[in-house]
């Protein structure tokens, strides 16, 4: 089933099949960071975990050559559909994180990966939780992106990565630095807990990830750049 969701500024509008992650606060925070990047004709952009394709379309509107990757068929089909409806060219492929782009280099990598700490240690294999759950510490996919991004960037290229403060901002900065991608936090915003975090509040408290009375989640954008 398809439904029209959201009319966003910058001309963004997407059709969303059931079960595909739609643009939310983290998506829009990353879109704002993307707007500050130098993107134009000839810029090669990789959108990892594209979901509805919202960010891929935002880059394509500025003339970039965009490859969008997601591990679910529905997300890939949604991205292809939204590109057609917008009259934009986006290469949407199914695959695991950076794997579909092995051997290629990009000027900019965007990623809004699953990052929510979860009671289950592994990644969910089906259902909507595939869009947000990422193991006990929320880092099952973030760590792999930090390890692999440098090899997929042109010299001078950048990675824009969004995730929650619940899953270790300093850990991400350290991993990227060790991978040859000096990084910094460029954006922050605080959003109220949604249904997922509310439903596991006691588990988060028991693990020390939140404090009693916490009702907001901090989201951050980390920008990392490969030396020119």
N, C-alpha and C. Protein backbone atom coordinates (compact mmCIF):
# COMPACT_ATOMS: atom_id res chain seq x y z
N UNK A 1 0.85 -1.19 0.00
CA UNK A 1 0.00 0.00 0.00
C UNK A 1 0.88 1.24 0.00
N UNK A 2 0.50 2.25 -0.82
CA UNK A 2 1.26 3.49 -0.89
C UNK A 2 0.44 4.60 -0.26
N UNK A 3 1.14 5.54 0.34
CA UNK A 3 0.48 6.72 0.87
C UNK A 3 1.39 7.91 0.71
N UNK A 4 0.80 9.08 0.50
CA UNK A 4 1.59 10.29 0.38
C UNK A 4 1.89 10.81 1.76
N UNK A 5 3.17 11.00 2.08
CA UNK A 5 3.50 11.54 3.39
C UNK A 5 4.26 12.84 3.22
N UNK A 6 3.95 13.78 4.09
CA UNK A 6 4.74 14.98 4.23
C UNK A 6 4.92 15.82 2.98
N UNK A 7 4.83 17.10 3.11
CA UNK A 7 5.30 18.03 2.10
C UNK A 7 6.37 18.86 2.77
N UNK A 8 7.61 18.65 2.40
CA UNK A 8 8.75 19.30 3.05
C UNK A 8 9.26 20.43 2.19
N UNK A 9 9.99 21.35 2.81
CA UNK A 9 10.60 22.39 2.02
C UNK A 9 11.69 21.78 1.14
N UNK A 10 12.27 22.58 0.29
CA UNK A 10 13.24 22.14 -0.72
C UNK A 10 12.56 21.23 -1.74
N UNK A 11 11.24 21.25 -1.83
CA UNK A 11 10.54 20.47 -2.85
C UNK A 11 10.40 19.01 -2.54
N UNK A 12 10.73 18.60 -1.30
CA UNK A 12 10.72 17.17 -1.01
C UNK A 12 9.32 16.62 -0.79
N UNK A 13 8.98 15.54 -1.46
CA UNK A 13 7.69 14.89 -1.31
C UNK A 13 7.91 13.43 -1.70
N UNK A 14 7.49 12.50 -0.88
CA UNK A 14 7.74 11.09 -1.19
C UNK A 14 6.48 10.25 -0.99
N UNK A 15 6.39 9.19 -1.81
CA UNK A 15 5.40 8.15 -1.61
C UNK A 15 6.03 7.07 -0.75
N UNK A 16 5.26 6.55 0.18
CA UNK A 16 5.83 5.65 1.18
C UNK A 16 5.06 4.34 1.27
N UNK A 17 5.65 3.23 0.81
CA UNK A 17 5.01 1.92 1.00
C UNK A 17 5.01 1.55 2.48
N UNK A 18 4.04 0.76 2.86
CA UNK A 18 3.98 0.28 4.24
C UNK A 18 5.29 -0.43 4.60
N UNK A 19 5.83 -0.10 5.77
CA UNK A 19 7.04 -0.76 6.24
C UNK A 19 8.33 -0.07 5.86
N UNK A 20 8.27 0.99 5.06
CA UNK A 20 9.47 1.73 4.67
C UNK A 20 9.61 2.95 5.57
N UNK A 21 10.84 3.18 6.07
CA UNK A 21 11.09 4.29 6.98
C UNK A 21 10.92 5.61 6.25
N UNK A 22 10.04 6.45 6.77
CA UNK A 22 9.80 7.75 6.16
C UNK A 22 10.62 8.84 6.80
N UNK A 23 10.67 10.01 6.18
CA UNK A 23 11.45 11.13 6.73
C UNK A 23 10.95 11.52 8.12
N UNK A 24 11.88 11.54 9.08
CA UNK A 24 11.58 11.96 10.44
C UNK A 24 12.64 12.97 10.88
N UNK A 25 12.71 13.24 12.18
CA UNK A 25 13.62 14.29 12.64
C UNK A 25 15.06 14.02 12.25
N UNK A 26 15.49 12.75 12.32
CA UNK A 26 16.88 12.45 11.96
C UNK A 26 17.13 12.67 10.47
N UNK A 27 16.14 12.30 9.64
CA UNK A 27 16.27 12.52 8.19
C UNK A 27 16.40 14.01 7.88
N UNK A 28 15.57 14.81 8.51
CA UNK A 28 15.57 16.25 8.23
C UNK A 28 16.84 16.92 8.75
N UNK A 29 17.35 16.44 9.88
CA UNK A 29 18.62 16.96 10.40
C UNK A 29 19.75 16.68 9.42
N UNK A 30 19.75 15.49 8.85
CA UNK A 30 20.77 15.13 7.87
C UNK A 30 20.56 15.90 6.57
N UNK A 31 19.32 16.13 6.19
CA UNK A 31 19.05 16.95 5.00
C UNK A 31 19.61 18.35 5.16
N UNK A 32 19.46 18.93 6.36
CA UNK A 32 19.99 20.27 6.59
C UNK A 32 21.51 20.29 6.47
N UNK A 33 22.17 19.23 6.97
CA UNK A 33 23.63 19.14 6.84
C UNK A 33 24.03 18.98 5.38
N UNK A 34 23.27 18.19 4.63
CA UNK A 34 23.53 18.02 3.20
C UNK A 34 23.45 19.36 2.47
N UNK A 35 22.51 20.21 2.85
CA UNK A 35 22.34 21.49 2.18
C UNK A 35 23.58 22.37 2.28
N UNK A 36 24.40 22.15 3.28
CA UNK A 36 25.61 22.97 3.44
C UNK A 36 26.79 22.45 2.62
N UNK A 37 26.67 21.25 2.09
CA UNK A 37 27.77 20.67 1.32
C UNK A 37 27.79 21.21 -0.12
N UNK A 38 28.98 21.22 -0.69
CA UNK A 38 29.10 21.62 -2.10
C UNK A 38 28.71 20.43 -2.97
N UNK A 39 27.55 20.51 -3.53
CA UNK A 39 27.00 19.42 -4.35
C UNK A 39 26.49 20.01 -5.65
N UNK A 40 26.87 19.39 -6.76
CA UNK A 40 26.41 19.88 -8.05
C UNK A 40 26.65 18.85 -9.12
N UNK A 41 26.59 19.27 -10.36
CA UNK A 41 26.80 18.37 -11.48
C UNK A 41 28.17 17.70 -11.36
N UNK A 42 28.19 16.39 -11.43
CA UNK A 42 29.44 15.65 -11.33
C UNK A 42 29.76 15.16 -9.94
N UNK A 43 29.04 15.64 -8.92
CA UNK A 43 29.27 15.15 -7.57
C UNK A 43 28.68 13.75 -7.43
N UNK A 44 29.51 12.80 -7.00
CA UNK A 44 29.06 11.42 -6.80
C UNK A 44 28.65 11.26 -5.34
N UNK A 45 27.39 10.92 -5.12
CA UNK A 45 26.83 10.81 -3.77
C UNK A 45 26.32 9.40 -3.55
N UNK A 46 26.62 8.84 -2.37
CA UNK A 46 26.12 7.53 -1.97
C UNK A 46 25.24 7.72 -0.74
N UNK A 47 23.99 7.28 -0.83
CA UNK A 47 23.06 7.35 0.29
C UNK A 47 22.85 5.94 0.83
N UNK A 48 23.39 5.68 2.01
CA UNK A 48 23.37 4.33 2.59
C UNK A 48 22.22 4.22 3.59
N UNK A 49 21.32 3.27 3.35
CA UNK A 49 20.13 3.15 4.16
C UNK A 49 19.10 4.18 3.73
N UNK A 50 18.80 4.19 2.44
CA UNK A 50 18.05 5.30 1.84
C UNK A 50 16.60 5.37 2.26
N UNK A 51 16.00 4.25 2.68
CA UNK A 51 14.59 4.29 3.06
C UNK A 51 13.70 4.70 1.90
N UNK A 52 12.99 5.80 2.05
CA UNK A 52 12.10 6.28 1.00
C UNK A 52 12.85 6.96 -0.15
N UNK A 53 14.14 7.21 0.04
CA UNK A 53 14.92 7.92 -0.97
C UNK A 53 14.90 9.42 -0.81
N UNK A 54 14.38 9.91 0.31
CA UNK A 54 14.23 11.35 0.52
C UNK A 54 15.55 12.10 0.37
N UNK A 55 16.62 11.60 1.00
CA UNK A 55 17.91 12.28 0.92
C UNK A 55 18.55 12.11 -0.45
N UNK A 56 18.38 10.94 -1.04
CA UNK A 56 18.91 10.72 -2.38
C UNK A 56 18.29 11.71 -3.37
N UNK A 57 17.00 11.95 -3.24
CA UNK A 57 16.33 12.90 -4.12
C UNK A 57 16.82 14.32 -3.87
N UNK A 58 17.06 14.66 -2.60
CA UNK A 58 17.55 16.00 -2.27
C UNK A 58 18.90 16.26 -2.95
N UNK A 59 19.76 15.24 -2.96
CA UNK A 59 21.06 15.40 -3.63
C UNK A 59 20.90 15.43 -5.15
N UNK A 60 20.01 14.60 -5.68
CA UNK A 60 19.81 14.56 -7.13
C UNK A 60 19.24 15.87 -7.65
N UNK A 61 18.41 16.54 -6.86
CA UNK A 61 17.85 17.83 -7.28
C UNK A 61 18.94 18.87 -7.50
N UNK A 62 20.07 18.67 -6.86
CA UNK A 62 21.17 19.63 -7.01
C UNK A 62 22.15 19.20 -8.09
N UNK A 63 21.79 18.16 -8.83
CA UNK A 63 22.59 17.74 -9.97
C UNK A 63 23.56 16.61 -9.70
N UNK A 64 23.58 16.07 -8.49
CA UNK A 64 24.52 15.00 -8.16
C UNK A 64 24.16 13.70 -8.87
N UNK A 65 25.17 12.87 -9.05
CA UNK A 65 24.98 11.49 -9.52
C UNK A 65 24.84 10.62 -8.27
N UNK A 66 23.64 10.13 -8.03
CA UNK A 66 23.32 9.52 -6.75
C UNK A 66 23.11 8.02 -6.87
N UNK A 67 23.76 7.30 -5.96
CA UNK A 67 23.50 5.88 -5.77
C UNK A 67 22.89 5.72 -4.39
N UNK A 68 21.74 5.05 -4.33
CA UNK A 68 21.02 4.86 -3.07
C UNK A 68 20.97 3.36 -2.76
N UNK A 69 21.31 3.01 -1.53
CA UNK A 69 21.40 1.60 -1.12
C UNK A 69 20.47 1.34 0.07
N UNK A 70 19.79 0.23 0.04
CA UNK A 70 19.03 -0.21 1.20
C UNK A 70 18.97 -1.73 1.19
N UNK A 71 18.80 -2.33 2.36
CA UNK A 71 18.78 -3.79 2.43
C UNK A 71 17.40 -4.38 2.24
N UNK A 72 16.36 -3.53 2.13
CA UNK A 72 15.02 -4.06 1.91
C UNK A 72 14.54 -3.76 0.49
N UNK A 73 13.85 -4.72 -0.08
CA UNK A 73 13.32 -4.53 -1.43
C UNK A 73 12.33 -3.38 -1.49
N UNK A 74 11.49 -3.27 -0.46
CA UNK A 74 10.48 -2.21 -0.47
C UNK A 74 11.11 -0.83 -0.51
N UNK A 75 12.18 -0.64 0.23
CA UNK A 75 12.84 0.66 0.23
C UNK A 75 13.44 0.97 -1.14
N UNK A 76 14.06 -0.02 -1.75
CA UNK A 76 14.64 0.19 -3.09
C UNK A 76 13.56 0.54 -4.09
N UNK A 77 12.44 -0.19 -4.05
CA UNK A 77 11.33 0.10 -4.97
C UNK A 77 10.74 1.47 -4.69
N UNK A 78 10.62 1.84 -3.41
CA UNK A 78 10.10 3.16 -3.06
C UNK A 78 10.99 4.26 -3.61
N UNK A 79 12.30 4.08 -3.47
CA UNK A 79 13.24 5.08 -3.96
C UNK A 79 13.15 5.22 -5.48
N UNK A 80 13.07 4.08 -6.16
CA UNK A 80 12.93 4.14 -7.63
C UNK A 80 11.65 4.84 -8.03
N UNK A 81 10.56 4.52 -7.36
CA UNK A 81 9.28 5.16 -7.66
C UNK A 81 9.33 6.65 -7.41
N UNK A 82 9.88 7.04 -6.26
CA UNK A 82 9.94 8.46 -5.93
C UNK A 82 10.83 9.24 -6.88
N UNK A 83 11.89 8.60 -7.36
CA UNK A 83 12.75 9.25 -8.35
C UNK A 83 12.00 9.48 -9.66
N UNK A 84 11.24 8.48 -10.10
CA UNK A 84 10.46 8.61 -11.33
C UNK A 84 9.42 9.72 -11.18
N UNK A 85 8.72 9.72 -10.05
CA UNK A 85 7.68 10.73 -9.83
C UNK A 85 8.27 12.14 -9.78
N UNK A 86 9.50 12.25 -9.29
CA UNK A 86 10.15 13.55 -9.20
C UNK A 86 10.89 13.94 -10.48
N UNK A 87 10.96 13.02 -11.43
CA UNK A 87 11.68 13.29 -12.66
C UNK A 87 13.18 13.39 -12.46
N UNK A 88 13.70 12.58 -11.52
CA UNK A 88 15.11 12.62 -11.19
C UNK A 88 15.76 11.27 -11.47
N UNK A 89 17.06 11.30 -11.68
CA UNK A 89 17.82 10.08 -11.93
C UNK A 89 18.54 9.67 -10.66
N UNK A 90 18.16 8.49 -10.11
CA UNK A 90 18.80 7.92 -8.94
C UNK A 90 18.99 6.43 -9.18
N UNK A 91 20.20 5.95 -8.98
CA UNK A 91 20.47 4.52 -9.05
C UNK A 91 20.17 3.91 -7.68
N UNK A 92 19.11 3.13 -7.58
CA UNK A 92 18.72 2.53 -6.30
C UNK A 92 18.98 1.03 -6.36
N UNK A 93 19.78 0.53 -5.42
CA UNK A 93 20.18 -0.88 -5.43
C UNK A 93 19.99 -1.49 -4.04
N UNK A 94 19.71 -2.77 -4.03
CA UNK A 94 19.56 -3.48 -2.77
C UNK A 94 20.90 -4.08 -2.36
N UNK A 95 21.24 -3.94 -1.08
CA UNK A 95 22.48 -4.52 -0.62
C UNK A 95 22.79 -4.14 0.81
N UNK A 96 23.91 -4.63 1.29
CA UNK A 96 24.32 -4.46 2.68
C UNK A 96 25.31 -3.31 2.80
N UNK A 97 24.84 -2.19 3.33
CA UNK A 97 25.68 -1.01 3.58
C UNK A 97 26.51 -0.63 2.35
N UNK A 98 27.82 -0.67 2.47
CA UNK A 98 28.70 -0.20 1.39
C UNK A 98 28.98 -1.27 0.34
N UNK A 99 28.52 -2.49 0.58
CA UNK A 99 28.87 -3.60 -0.32
C UNK A 99 28.50 -3.36 -1.78
N UNK A 100 27.34 -2.81 -2.11
CA UNK A 100 27.00 -2.60 -3.52
C UNK A 100 27.91 -1.61 -4.23
N UNK A 101 28.67 -0.83 -3.48
CA UNK A 101 29.52 0.20 -4.07
C UNK A 101 31.00 -0.16 -3.99
N UNK A 102 31.33 -1.41 -3.71
CA UNK A 102 32.72 -1.82 -3.63
C UNK A 102 33.43 -1.50 -4.95
N UNK A 103 34.60 -0.89 -4.84
CA UNK A 103 35.37 -0.53 -6.03
C UNK A 103 35.04 0.83 -6.59
N UNK A 104 34.07 1.52 -6.01
CA UNK A 104 33.69 2.84 -6.47
C UNK A 104 34.04 3.88 -5.40
N UNK A 105 34.23 5.12 -5.84
CA UNK A 105 34.54 6.21 -4.93
C UNK A 105 33.50 7.32 -5.07
N UNK A 106 33.23 7.99 -3.95
CA UNK A 106 32.21 9.03 -3.92
C UNK A 106 32.77 10.29 -3.28
N UNK A 107 32.18 11.41 -3.67
CA UNK A 107 32.57 12.68 -3.06
C UNK A 107 31.85 12.89 -1.73
N UNK A 108 30.69 12.26 -1.59
CA UNK A 108 29.90 12.44 -0.38
C UNK A 108 29.13 11.15 -0.08
N UNK A 109 29.22 10.70 1.16
CA UNK A 109 28.42 9.56 1.62
C UNK A 109 27.48 10.08 2.70
N UNK A 110 26.20 9.77 2.54
CA UNK A 110 25.18 10.09 3.54
C UNK A 110 24.70 8.80 4.17
N UNK A 111 24.43 8.82 5.45
CA UNK A 111 23.85 7.62 6.06
C UNK A 111 23.02 7.96 7.29
N UNK A 112 21.81 7.44 7.28
CA UNK A 112 20.93 7.45 8.45
C UNK A 112 20.63 5.98 8.76
N UNK A 113 21.59 5.28 9.38
CA UNK A 113 21.44 3.84 9.57
C UNK A 113 20.59 3.53 10.79
N UNK A 114 20.12 2.30 10.93
CA UNK A 114 19.53 1.89 12.21
C UNK A 114 20.55 2.10 13.33
N UNK A 115 20.10 2.72 14.44
CA UNK A 115 21.04 3.03 15.52
C UNK A 115 20.42 2.93 16.92
N UNK A 116 19.21 2.44 17.02
CA UNK A 116 18.54 2.42 18.32
C UNK A 116 19.00 1.20 19.13
N UNK A 117 19.51 1.39 20.36
CA UNK A 117 19.84 0.24 21.22
C UNK A 117 18.59 -0.61 21.46
N UNK A 118 18.79 -1.93 21.40
CA UNK A 118 17.66 -2.84 21.45
C UNK A 118 17.94 -4.02 22.37
N UNK A 119 16.91 -4.59 22.98
CA UNK A 119 17.10 -5.78 23.83
C UNK A 119 17.67 -6.97 23.08
N UNK A 120 17.37 -7.09 21.78
CA UNK A 120 17.92 -8.18 20.98
C UNK A 120 19.33 -7.84 20.54
N UNK A 121 20.24 -8.81 20.66
CA UNK A 121 21.65 -8.55 20.35
C UNK A 121 21.91 -8.40 18.86
N UNK A 122 21.12 -9.08 18.04
CA UNK A 122 21.35 -9.06 16.60
C UNK A 122 20.41 -8.13 15.88
N UNK A 123 20.62 -8.01 14.57
CA UNK A 123 19.73 -7.20 13.75
C UNK A 123 18.44 -7.95 13.47
N UNK A 124 17.30 -7.28 13.47
CA UNK A 124 16.06 -7.96 13.11
C UNK A 124 16.09 -8.36 11.63
N UNK A 125 15.50 -9.49 11.33
CA UNK A 125 15.53 -10.00 9.94
C UNK A 125 14.26 -9.66 9.19
N UNK A 126 13.24 -9.18 9.87
CA UNK A 126 12.01 -8.80 9.19
C UNK A 126 11.26 -7.80 10.07
N UNK A 127 10.29 -7.16 9.46
CA UNK A 127 9.45 -6.23 10.19
C UNK A 127 10.01 -4.82 10.22
N UNK A 128 9.20 -3.87 10.70
CA UNK A 128 9.61 -2.46 10.69
C UNK A 128 10.83 -2.15 11.53
N UNK A 129 11.12 -2.98 12.54
CA UNK A 129 12.28 -2.71 13.41
C UNK A 129 13.59 -2.76 12.65
N UNK A 130 13.62 -3.33 11.46
CA UNK A 130 14.84 -3.32 10.64
C UNK A 130 15.31 -1.89 10.37
N UNK A 131 14.39 -0.93 10.44
CA UNK A 131 14.74 0.46 10.14
C UNK A 131 15.37 1.18 11.32
N UNK A 132 15.32 0.57 12.54
CA UNK A 132 15.88 1.31 13.67
C UNK A 132 16.71 0.47 14.65
N UNK A 133 16.40 -0.79 14.88
CA UNK A 133 17.13 -1.57 15.88
C UNK A 133 18.52 -1.96 15.38
N UNK A 134 19.52 -1.86 16.28
CA UNK A 134 20.91 -2.14 15.88
C UNK A 134 21.72 -2.75 17.01
N UNK A 135 21.13 -3.74 17.70
CA UNK A 135 21.86 -4.45 18.74
C UNK A 135 21.85 -3.73 20.08
N UNK A 136 22.46 -4.37 21.09
CA UNK A 136 22.41 -3.85 22.46
C UNK A 136 22.92 -2.42 22.57
N UNK A 137 23.97 -2.08 21.83
CA UNK A 137 24.54 -0.74 21.95
C UNK A 137 24.17 0.17 20.78
N UNK A 138 23.37 -0.34 19.84
CA UNK A 138 22.96 0.47 18.70
C UNK A 138 24.04 0.69 17.66
N UNK A 139 25.14 -0.08 17.73
CA UNK A 139 26.29 0.20 16.89
C UNK A 139 26.61 -0.88 15.86
N UNK A 140 25.74 -1.84 15.68
CA UNK A 140 26.07 -2.94 14.77
C UNK A 140 26.36 -2.45 13.35
N UNK A 141 25.67 -1.43 12.91
CA UNK A 141 25.88 -0.91 11.56
C UNK A 141 26.79 0.32 11.56
N UNK A 142 26.68 1.14 12.58
CA UNK A 142 27.55 2.32 12.66
C UNK A 142 29.02 1.93 12.64
N UNK A 143 29.39 0.91 13.41
CA UNK A 143 30.79 0.50 13.46
C UNK A 143 31.30 0.06 12.09
N UNK A 144 30.47 -0.65 11.37
CA UNK A 144 30.89 -1.11 10.03
C UNK A 144 31.03 0.06 9.06
N UNK A 145 30.15 1.03 9.18
CA UNK A 145 30.27 2.22 8.33
C UNK A 145 31.56 2.99 8.65
N UNK A 146 31.85 3.13 9.92
CA UNK A 146 33.09 3.82 10.31
C UNK A 146 34.32 3.10 9.78
N UNK A 147 34.31 1.79 9.80
CA UNK A 147 35.45 1.01 9.31
C UNK A 147 35.61 1.09 7.80
N UNK A 148 34.49 1.18 7.07
CA UNK A 148 34.56 1.03 5.61
C UNK A 148 34.46 2.30 4.80
N UNK A 149 34.06 3.41 5.43
CA UNK A 149 33.76 4.61 4.64
C UNK A 149 34.97 5.18 3.92
N UNK A 150 36.14 5.15 4.55
CA UNK A 150 37.31 5.78 3.94
C UNK A 150 37.62 5.20 2.57
N UNK A 151 37.46 3.88 2.43
CA UNK A 151 37.76 3.24 1.16
C UNK A 151 36.78 3.55 0.07
N UNK A 152 35.65 4.17 0.42
CA UNK A 152 34.63 4.52 -0.58
C UNK A 152 34.59 6.01 -0.89
N UNK A 153 35.52 6.78 -0.31
CA UNK A 153 35.54 8.22 -0.53
C UNK A 153 36.72 8.65 -1.40
N UNK A 154 36.47 9.60 -2.28
CA UNK A 154 37.56 10.28 -2.96
C UNK A 154 38.37 11.08 -1.94
N UNK A 155 39.64 11.34 -2.21
CA UNK A 155 40.37 12.29 -1.37
C UNK A 155 39.61 13.61 -1.29
N UNK A 156 39.46 14.12 -0.09
CA UNK A 156 38.68 15.33 0.11
C UNK A 156 37.19 15.08 0.26
N UNK A 157 36.76 13.83 0.10
CA UNK A 157 35.35 13.50 0.24
C UNK A 157 34.93 13.44 1.69
N UNK A 158 33.62 13.48 1.92
CA UNK A 158 33.10 13.56 3.28
C UNK A 158 32.01 12.53 3.53
N UNK A 159 31.90 12.15 4.78
CA UNK A 159 30.83 11.29 5.29
C UNK A 159 29.97 12.13 6.22
N UNK A 160 28.65 12.09 6.00
CA UNK A 160 27.68 12.68 6.93
C UNK A 160 26.87 11.55 7.52
N UNK A 161 26.97 11.38 8.82
CA UNK A 161 26.36 10.27 9.53
C UNK A 161 25.50 10.79 10.67
N UNK A 162 24.27 10.31 10.74
CA UNK A 162 23.38 10.72 11.82
C UNK A 162 23.16 9.54 12.76
N UNK A 163 23.18 9.84 14.07
CA UNK A 163 22.75 8.81 15.01
C UNK A 163 22.42 9.44 16.36
N UNK A 164 21.96 8.62 17.26
CA UNK A 164 21.54 9.08 18.58
C UNK A 164 22.73 9.17 19.53
N UNK A 165 22.65 10.10 20.47
CA UNK A 165 23.65 10.16 21.53
C UNK A 165 23.61 8.92 22.41
N UNK A 166 22.54 8.14 22.35
CA UNK A 166 22.44 6.91 23.13
C UNK A 166 23.43 5.85 22.70
N UNK A 167 23.95 5.96 21.48
CA UNK A 167 24.84 4.89 21.00
C UNK A 167 26.29 5.33 20.85
N UNK A 168 26.68 6.38 21.54
CA UNK A 168 28.11 6.64 21.68
C UNK A 168 28.73 7.56 20.64
N UNK A 169 28.53 8.86 20.81
CA UNK A 169 29.10 9.82 19.88
C UNK A 169 30.63 9.78 19.92
N UNK A 170 31.20 9.73 21.10
CA UNK A 170 32.67 9.72 21.21
C UNK A 170 33.26 8.46 20.59
N UNK A 171 32.55 7.33 20.68
CA UNK A 171 33.02 6.10 20.05
C UNK A 171 33.10 6.27 18.54
N UNK A 172 32.09 6.90 17.97
CA UNK A 172 32.08 7.12 16.52
C UNK A 172 33.20 8.05 16.09
N UNK A 173 33.38 9.13 16.82
CA UNK A 173 34.46 10.06 16.49
C UNK A 173 35.82 9.37 16.55
N UNK A 174 36.02 8.54 17.56
CA UNK A 174 37.29 7.83 17.69
C UNK A 174 37.51 6.83 16.57
N UNK A 175 36.48 6.06 16.22
CA UNK A 175 36.62 5.09 15.14
C UNK A 175 36.94 5.75 13.82
N UNK A 176 36.27 6.85 13.53
CA UNK A 176 36.52 7.55 12.27
C UNK A 176 37.93 8.12 12.23
N UNK A 177 38.37 8.68 13.34
CA UNK A 177 39.74 9.22 13.42
C UNK A 177 40.76 8.12 13.14
N UNK A 178 40.56 6.96 13.74
CA UNK A 178 41.50 5.85 13.53
C UNK A 178 41.44 5.32 12.11
N UNK A 179 40.31 5.50 11.44
CA UNK A 179 40.17 5.04 10.05
C UNK A 179 40.69 6.06 9.05
N UNK A 180 41.24 7.16 9.55
CA UNK A 180 41.78 8.18 8.65
C UNK A 180 40.76 9.20 8.21
N UNK A 181 39.69 9.36 9.00
CA UNK A 181 38.63 10.31 8.68
C UNK A 181 38.39 11.22 9.89
N UNK A 182 39.19 12.26 10.06
CA UNK A 182 38.96 13.18 11.17
C UNK A 182 37.51 13.68 11.15
N UNK A 183 36.88 13.69 12.32
CA UNK A 183 35.44 13.92 12.37
C UNK A 183 35.08 14.90 13.48
N UNK A 184 33.91 15.50 13.35
CA UNK A 184 33.38 16.39 14.36
C UNK A 184 31.86 16.36 14.32
N UNK A 185 31.26 16.72 15.45
CA UNK A 185 29.81 16.87 15.50
C UNK A 185 29.47 18.26 14.96
N UNK A 186 28.61 18.30 13.95
CA UNK A 186 28.26 19.58 13.33
C UNK A 186 26.85 20.03 13.67
N UNK A 187 25.98 19.12 14.06
CA UNK A 187 24.58 19.45 14.31
C UNK A 187 24.06 18.61 15.47
N UNK A 188 23.17 19.20 16.25
CA UNK A 188 22.50 18.48 17.33
C UNK A 188 21.05 18.95 17.38
N UNK A 189 20.18 18.04 17.78
CA UNK A 189 18.82 18.44 18.11
C UNK A 189 18.26 17.47 19.13
N UNK A 190 17.31 17.95 19.90
CA UNK A 190 16.69 17.13 20.93
C UNK A 190 15.24 16.89 20.54
N UNK A 191 14.82 15.62 20.57
CA UNK A 191 13.46 15.26 20.19
C UNK A 191 12.83 14.41 21.28
N UNK A 192 11.53 14.52 21.49
CA UNK A 192 10.88 13.69 22.50
C UNK A 192 10.98 12.21 22.15
N UNK A 193 11.06 11.37 23.17
CA UNK A 193 11.03 9.93 22.93
C UNK A 193 9.80 9.57 22.11
N UNK A 194 10.01 8.73 21.12
CA UNK A 194 8.90 8.19 20.36
C UNK A 194 8.43 6.88 20.96
N UNK A 195 7.50 6.20 20.28
CA UNK A 195 6.96 4.95 20.82
C UNK A 195 8.01 3.87 21.07
N UNK A 196 9.05 3.80 20.22
CA UNK A 196 10.05 2.74 20.38
C UNK A 196 10.83 2.93 21.68
N UNK A 197 11.37 4.12 21.91
CA UNK A 197 12.13 4.35 23.14
C UNK A 197 11.24 4.31 24.37
N UNK A 198 10.03 4.82 24.24
CA UNK A 198 9.11 4.75 25.37
C UNK A 198 8.83 3.30 25.78
N UNK A 199 8.71 2.43 24.77
CA UNK A 199 8.36 1.04 25.06
C UNK A 199 9.49 0.28 25.75
N UNK A 200 10.74 0.77 25.64
CA UNK A 200 11.87 0.08 26.26
C UNK A 200 12.58 0.96 27.29
N UNK A 201 11.81 1.88 27.86
CA UNK A 201 12.37 2.83 28.83
C UNK A 201 13.07 2.11 29.99
N UNK A 202 12.43 1.09 30.57
CA UNK A 202 13.02 0.41 31.72
C UNK A 202 14.30 -0.30 31.33
N UNK A 203 14.32 -0.90 30.16
CA UNK A 203 15.54 -1.57 29.68
C UNK A 203 16.67 -0.56 29.50
N UNK A 204 16.37 0.60 28.95
CA UNK A 204 17.38 1.65 28.78
C UNK A 204 17.88 2.15 30.13
N UNK A 205 16.97 2.28 31.09
CA UNK A 205 17.37 2.67 32.44
C UNK A 205 18.29 1.63 33.07
N UNK A 206 17.94 0.37 32.92
CA UNK A 206 18.74 -0.70 33.51
C UNK A 206 20.15 -0.75 32.93
N UNK A 207 20.29 -0.37 31.68
CA UNK A 207 21.60 -0.38 31.03
C UNK A 207 22.36 0.93 31.24
N UNK A 208 21.74 1.89 31.89
CA UNK A 208 22.40 3.16 32.14
C UNK A 208 22.46 4.07 30.94
N UNK A 209 21.64 3.81 29.94
CA UNK A 209 21.65 4.63 28.73
C UNK A 209 20.82 5.89 28.87
N UNK A 210 19.87 5.88 29.78
CA UNK A 210 19.11 7.08 30.10
C UNK A 210 19.03 7.19 31.62
N UNK A 211 18.66 8.37 32.08
CA UNK A 211 18.48 8.61 33.51
C UNK A 211 16.99 8.71 33.83
N UNK A 212 16.61 8.46 35.07
CA UNK A 212 15.20 8.63 35.43
C UNK A 212 14.72 10.04 35.08
N UNK A 213 13.57 10.09 34.45
CA UNK A 213 13.00 11.38 34.07
C UNK A 213 13.40 11.85 32.69
N UNK A 214 14.34 11.18 32.05
CA UNK A 214 14.70 11.56 30.68
C UNK A 214 13.52 11.30 29.74
N UNK A 215 13.21 12.28 28.93
CA UNK A 215 12.11 12.15 27.99
C UNK A 215 12.49 12.58 26.58
N UNK A 216 13.75 12.97 26.40
CA UNK A 216 14.21 13.44 25.10
C UNK A 216 15.45 12.69 24.65
N UNK A 217 15.57 12.53 23.37
CA UNK A 217 16.72 11.89 22.74
C UNK A 217 17.50 12.95 21.96
N UNK A 218 18.82 12.98 22.15
CA UNK A 218 19.64 13.89 21.36
C UNK A 218 20.10 13.18 20.09
N UNK A 219 19.87 13.82 18.96
CA UNK A 219 20.36 13.34 17.67
C UNK A 219 21.54 14.22 17.24
N UNK A 220 22.52 13.59 16.61
CA UNK A 220 23.70 14.34 16.16
C UNK A 220 24.03 14.00 14.72
N UNK A 221 24.65 14.96 14.07
CA UNK A 221 25.27 14.74 12.75
C UNK A 221 26.78 14.75 12.97
N UNK A 222 27.44 13.72 12.49
CA UNK A 222 28.90 13.67 12.52
C UNK A 222 29.40 13.80 11.09
N UNK A 223 30.29 14.74 10.89
CA UNK A 223 30.91 14.94 9.57
C UNK A 223 32.36 14.52 9.64
N UNK A 224 32.75 13.63 8.76
CA UNK A 224 34.13 13.14 8.69
C UNK A 224 34.65 13.37 7.27
N UNK A 225 35.91 13.74 7.16
CA UNK A 225 36.47 14.08 5.85
C UNK A 225 37.77 13.34 5.62
N UNK A 226 37.90 12.78 4.43
CA UNK A 226 39.16 12.14 4.05
C UNK A 226 40.13 13.20 3.56
N UNK A 227 41.36 13.09 3.96
CA UNK A 227 42.36 14.09 3.56
C UNK A 227 42.47 14.16 2.06
N UNK A 228 42.65 15.37 1.55
CA UNK A 228 42.77 15.57 0.10
C UNK A 228 44.11 15.08 -0.41
